[in-house]
Amino acid sequence: MNIVEITKEPVELYKILKFEGMVASGGEAKMAVAEGHVLVNGEVETRKRRKIVSGDMIEFGDEKIQVQRA
């Protein structure tokens, strides 16, 4: 599991997927979320603009990241 530090809260889910290189583009991130391929805190999340805050865990494919405030 990787730790991702954010400098402000909240951050939209699709932006984290894009900036962390889990997907190639913002459009791909939005599609992955809309199709139910992303878990937030162990539950399927389909809201691409879901607000992510410190302590949230995101899972996509084989990757897991924990979000922390810098």
N, C-alpha and C. Protein backbone atom coordinates (compact mmCIF):
# COMPACT_ATOMS: atom_id res chain seq x y z
N MET A 1 0.84 -1.18 0.00
CA MET A 1 0.00 0.00 0.00
C MET A 1 0.89 1.25 0.00
N ASN A 2 0.51 2.23 -0.81
CA ASN A 2 1.26 3.48 -0.88
C ASN A 2 0.54 4.54 -0.06
N ILE A 3 1.32 5.47 0.48
CA ILE A 3 0.79 6.62 1.19
C ILE A 3 0.83 7.81 0.25
N VAL A 4 -0.28 8.51 0.12
CA VAL A 4 -0.37 9.70 -0.72
C VAL A 4 -0.65 10.89 0.20
N GLU A 5 0.22 11.90 0.13
CA GLU A 5 0.02 13.08 0.95
C GLU A 5 -0.66 14.17 0.13
N ILE A 6 -1.68 14.76 0.72
CA ILE A 6 -2.38 15.87 0.07
C ILE A 6 -2.16 17.13 0.91
N THR A 7 -2.14 18.27 0.24
CA THR A 7 -1.89 19.52 0.96
C THR A 7 -3.17 20.25 1.34
N LYS A 8 -4.28 19.88 0.68
CA LYS A 8 -5.56 20.47 1.04
C LYS A 8 -6.64 19.42 0.95
N GLU A 9 -7.71 19.64 1.68
CA GLU A 9 -8.84 18.72 1.67
C GLU A 9 -10.09 19.50 1.31
N PRO A 10 -11.06 18.89 0.70
CA PRO A 10 -11.03 17.56 0.10
C PRO A 10 -10.46 17.61 -1.32
N VAL A 11 -10.18 16.42 -1.86
CA VAL A 11 -9.71 16.28 -3.24
C VAL A 11 -10.68 15.32 -3.93
N GLU A 12 -11.05 15.62 -5.16
CA GLU A 12 -11.97 14.75 -5.88
C GLU A 12 -11.29 13.43 -6.25
N LEU A 13 -12.04 12.35 -6.13
CA LEU A 13 -11.52 11.00 -6.35
C LEU A 13 -10.82 10.85 -7.68
N TYR A 14 -11.43 11.29 -8.76
CA TYR A 14 -10.83 11.06 -10.08
C TYR A 14 -9.48 11.77 -10.22
N LYS A 15 -9.31 12.89 -9.53
CA LYS A 15 -8.04 13.63 -9.60
C LYS A 15 -6.92 12.84 -8.94
N ILE A 16 -7.21 12.18 -7.84
CA ILE A 16 -6.19 11.37 -7.17
C ILE A 16 -5.78 10.22 -8.07
N LEU A 17 -6.74 9.55 -8.69
CA LEU A 17 -6.41 8.45 -9.60
C LEU A 17 -5.50 8.93 -10.72
N LYS A 18 -5.81 10.10 -11.26
CA LYS A 18 -5.02 10.65 -12.37
C LYS A 18 -3.63 11.07 -11.91
N PHE A 19 -3.55 11.87 -10.85
CA PHE A 19 -2.26 12.40 -10.40
C PHE A 19 -1.32 11.33 -9.85
N GLU A 20 -1.87 10.24 -9.35
CA GLU A 20 -1.03 9.16 -8.83
C GLU A 20 -0.66 8.15 -9.90
N GLY A 21 -1.08 8.39 -11.14
CA GLY A 21 -0.69 7.52 -12.25
C GLY A 21 -1.40 6.18 -12.26
N MET A 22 -2.52 6.08 -11.57
CA MET A 22 -3.27 4.83 -11.56
C MET A 22 -4.04 4.65 -12.88
N VAL A 23 -4.27 5.77 -13.58
CA VAL A 23 -4.89 5.78 -14.90
C VAL A 23 -4.12 6.77 -15.76
N ALA A 24 -4.35 6.73 -17.07
CA ALA A 24 -3.60 7.58 -18.00
C ALA A 24 -4.15 9.00 -18.11
N SER A 25 -5.46 9.17 -17.83
CA SER A 25 -6.06 10.49 -18.03
C SER A 25 -7.24 10.68 -17.09
N GLY A 26 -7.69 11.93 -17.01
CA GLY A 26 -8.86 12.22 -16.19
C GLY A 26 -10.10 11.53 -16.72
N GLY A 27 -10.22 11.46 -18.04
CA GLY A 27 -11.37 10.77 -18.64
C GLY A 27 -11.39 9.30 -18.30
N GLU A 28 -10.22 8.68 -18.33
CA GLU A 28 -10.12 7.27 -17.97
C GLU A 28 -10.46 7.07 -16.49
N ALA A 29 -10.04 7.99 -15.65
CA ALA A 29 -10.34 7.92 -14.22
C ALA A 29 -11.85 8.01 -13.99
N LYS A 30 -12.49 8.96 -14.65
CA LYS A 30 -13.94 9.12 -14.49
C LYS A 30 -14.69 7.87 -14.95
N MET A 31 -14.23 7.26 -16.05
CA MET A 31 -14.88 6.06 -16.55
C MET A 31 -14.70 4.89 -15.58
N ALA A 32 -13.49 4.73 -15.05
CA ALA A 32 -13.23 3.63 -14.10
C ALA A 32 -14.12 3.76 -12.88
N VAL A 33 -14.28 4.98 -12.38
CA VAL A 33 -15.14 5.20 -11.21
C VAL A 33 -16.60 4.93 -11.57
N ALA A 34 -17.06 5.51 -12.67
CA ALA A 34 -18.46 5.35 -13.08
C ALA A 34 -18.84 3.89 -13.30
N GLU A 35 -17.88 3.08 -13.76
CA GLU A 35 -18.15 1.67 -14.01
C GLU A 35 -18.01 0.80 -12.77
N GLY A 36 -17.68 1.40 -11.62
CA GLY A 36 -17.63 0.66 -10.36
C GLY A 36 -16.36 -0.11 -10.12
N HIS A 37 -15.24 0.30 -10.74
CA HIS A 37 -13.97 -0.40 -10.58
C HIS A 37 -13.12 0.12 -9.42
N VAL A 38 -13.60 1.15 -8.73
CA VAL A 38 -12.82 1.79 -7.68
C VAL A 38 -13.52 1.61 -6.34
N LEU A 39 -12.74 1.26 -5.32
CA LEU A 39 -13.26 1.14 -3.96
C LEU A 39 -12.72 2.27 -3.11
N VAL A 40 -13.58 2.85 -2.29
CA VAL A 40 -13.15 3.84 -1.30
C VAL A 40 -13.57 3.30 0.06
N ASN A 41 -12.58 3.12 0.92
CA ASN A 41 -12.83 2.56 2.26
C ASN A 41 -13.56 1.22 2.19
N GLY A 42 -13.19 0.41 1.20
CA GLY A 42 -13.73 -0.94 1.08
C GLY A 42 -15.07 -1.06 0.39
N GLU A 43 -15.64 0.06 -0.08
CA GLU A 43 -16.94 0.02 -0.74
C GLU A 43 -16.84 0.57 -2.15
N VAL A 44 -17.61 -0.03 -3.08
CA VAL A 44 -17.61 0.45 -4.46
C VAL A 44 -18.09 1.89 -4.49
N GLU A 45 -17.34 2.72 -5.20
CA GLU A 45 -17.69 4.14 -5.32
C GLU A 45 -17.91 4.48 -6.78
N THR A 46 -19.06 5.04 -7.11
CA THR A 46 -19.36 5.39 -8.50
C THR A 46 -19.45 6.91 -8.70
N ARG A 47 -19.21 7.68 -7.66
CA ARG A 47 -19.24 9.14 -7.79
C ARG A 47 -17.83 9.63 -8.09
N LYS A 48 -17.58 10.04 -9.32
CA LYS A 48 -16.23 10.45 -9.72
C LYS A 48 -15.75 11.69 -8.99
N ARG A 49 -16.67 12.50 -8.50
CA ARG A 49 -16.29 13.71 -7.77
C ARG A 49 -16.39 13.52 -6.26
N ARG A 50 -16.41 12.28 -5.83
CA ARG A 50 -16.43 11.97 -4.39
C ARG A 50 -15.29 12.72 -3.72
N LYS A 51 -15.59 13.38 -2.62
CA LYS A 51 -14.58 14.14 -1.90
C LYS A 51 -13.76 13.21 -1.01
N ILE A 52 -12.45 13.18 -1.28
CA ILE A 52 -11.53 12.32 -0.53
C ILE A 52 -10.82 13.17 0.52
N VAL A 53 -10.75 12.66 1.74
CA VAL A 53 -10.09 13.37 2.83
C VAL A 53 -9.05 12.45 3.48
N SER A 54 -8.25 13.04 4.35
CA SER A 54 -7.22 12.28 5.05
C SER A 54 -7.83 11.08 5.76
N GLY A 55 -7.18 9.94 5.63
CA GLY A 55 -7.66 8.71 6.25
C GLY A 55 -8.38 7.78 5.29
N ASP A 56 -8.81 8.30 4.14
CA ASP A 56 -9.50 7.47 3.16
C ASP A 56 -8.53 6.51 2.47
N MET A 57 -9.01 5.33 2.15
CA MET A 57 -8.24 4.34 1.41
C MET A 57 -8.91 4.11 0.06
N ILE A 58 -8.10 4.15 -1.00
CA ILE A 58 -8.60 3.97 -2.36
C ILE A 58 -7.98 2.72 -2.95
N GLU A 59 -8.80 1.88 -3.57
CA GLU A 59 -8.33 0.66 -4.22
C GLU A 59 -8.77 0.68 -5.67
N PHE A 60 -7.82 0.38 -6.57
CA PHE A 60 -8.13 0.29 -7.99
C PHE A 60 -7.21 -0.76 -8.58
N GLY A 61 -7.79 -1.82 -9.12
CA GLY A 61 -6.98 -2.93 -9.62
C GLY A 61 -6.18 -3.53 -8.48
N ASP A 62 -4.88 -3.67 -8.70
CA ASP A 62 -3.99 -4.24 -7.67
C ASP A 62 -3.40 -3.17 -6.76
N GLU A 63 -3.76 -1.91 -6.98
CA GLU A 63 -3.15 -0.82 -6.22
C GLU A 63 -4.05 -0.36 -5.08
N LYS A 64 -3.41 -0.06 -3.94
CA LYS A 64 -4.10 0.50 -2.78
C LYS A 64 -3.31 1.72 -2.33
N ILE A 65 -4.04 2.80 -2.08
CA ILE A 65 -3.37 3.98 -1.54
C ILE A 65 -4.13 4.49 -0.32
N GLN A 66 -3.38 4.99 0.62
CA GLN A 66 -3.93 5.61 1.83
C GLN A 66 -3.66 7.10 1.73
N VAL A 67 -4.68 7.92 1.91
CA VAL A 67 -4.54 9.36 1.78
C VAL A 67 -4.27 9.97 3.15
N GLN A 68 -3.25 10.82 3.21
CA GLN A 68 -2.90 11.52 4.45
C GLN A 68 -2.69 12.99 4.18
N ARG A 69 -3.00 13.81 5.14
CA ARG A 69 -2.77 15.26 5.03
C ARG A 69 -1.29 15.53 5.28
N ALA A 70 -0.68 16.30 4.38
CA ALA A 70 0.76 16.63 4.50
C ALA A 70 0.97 17.63 5.62
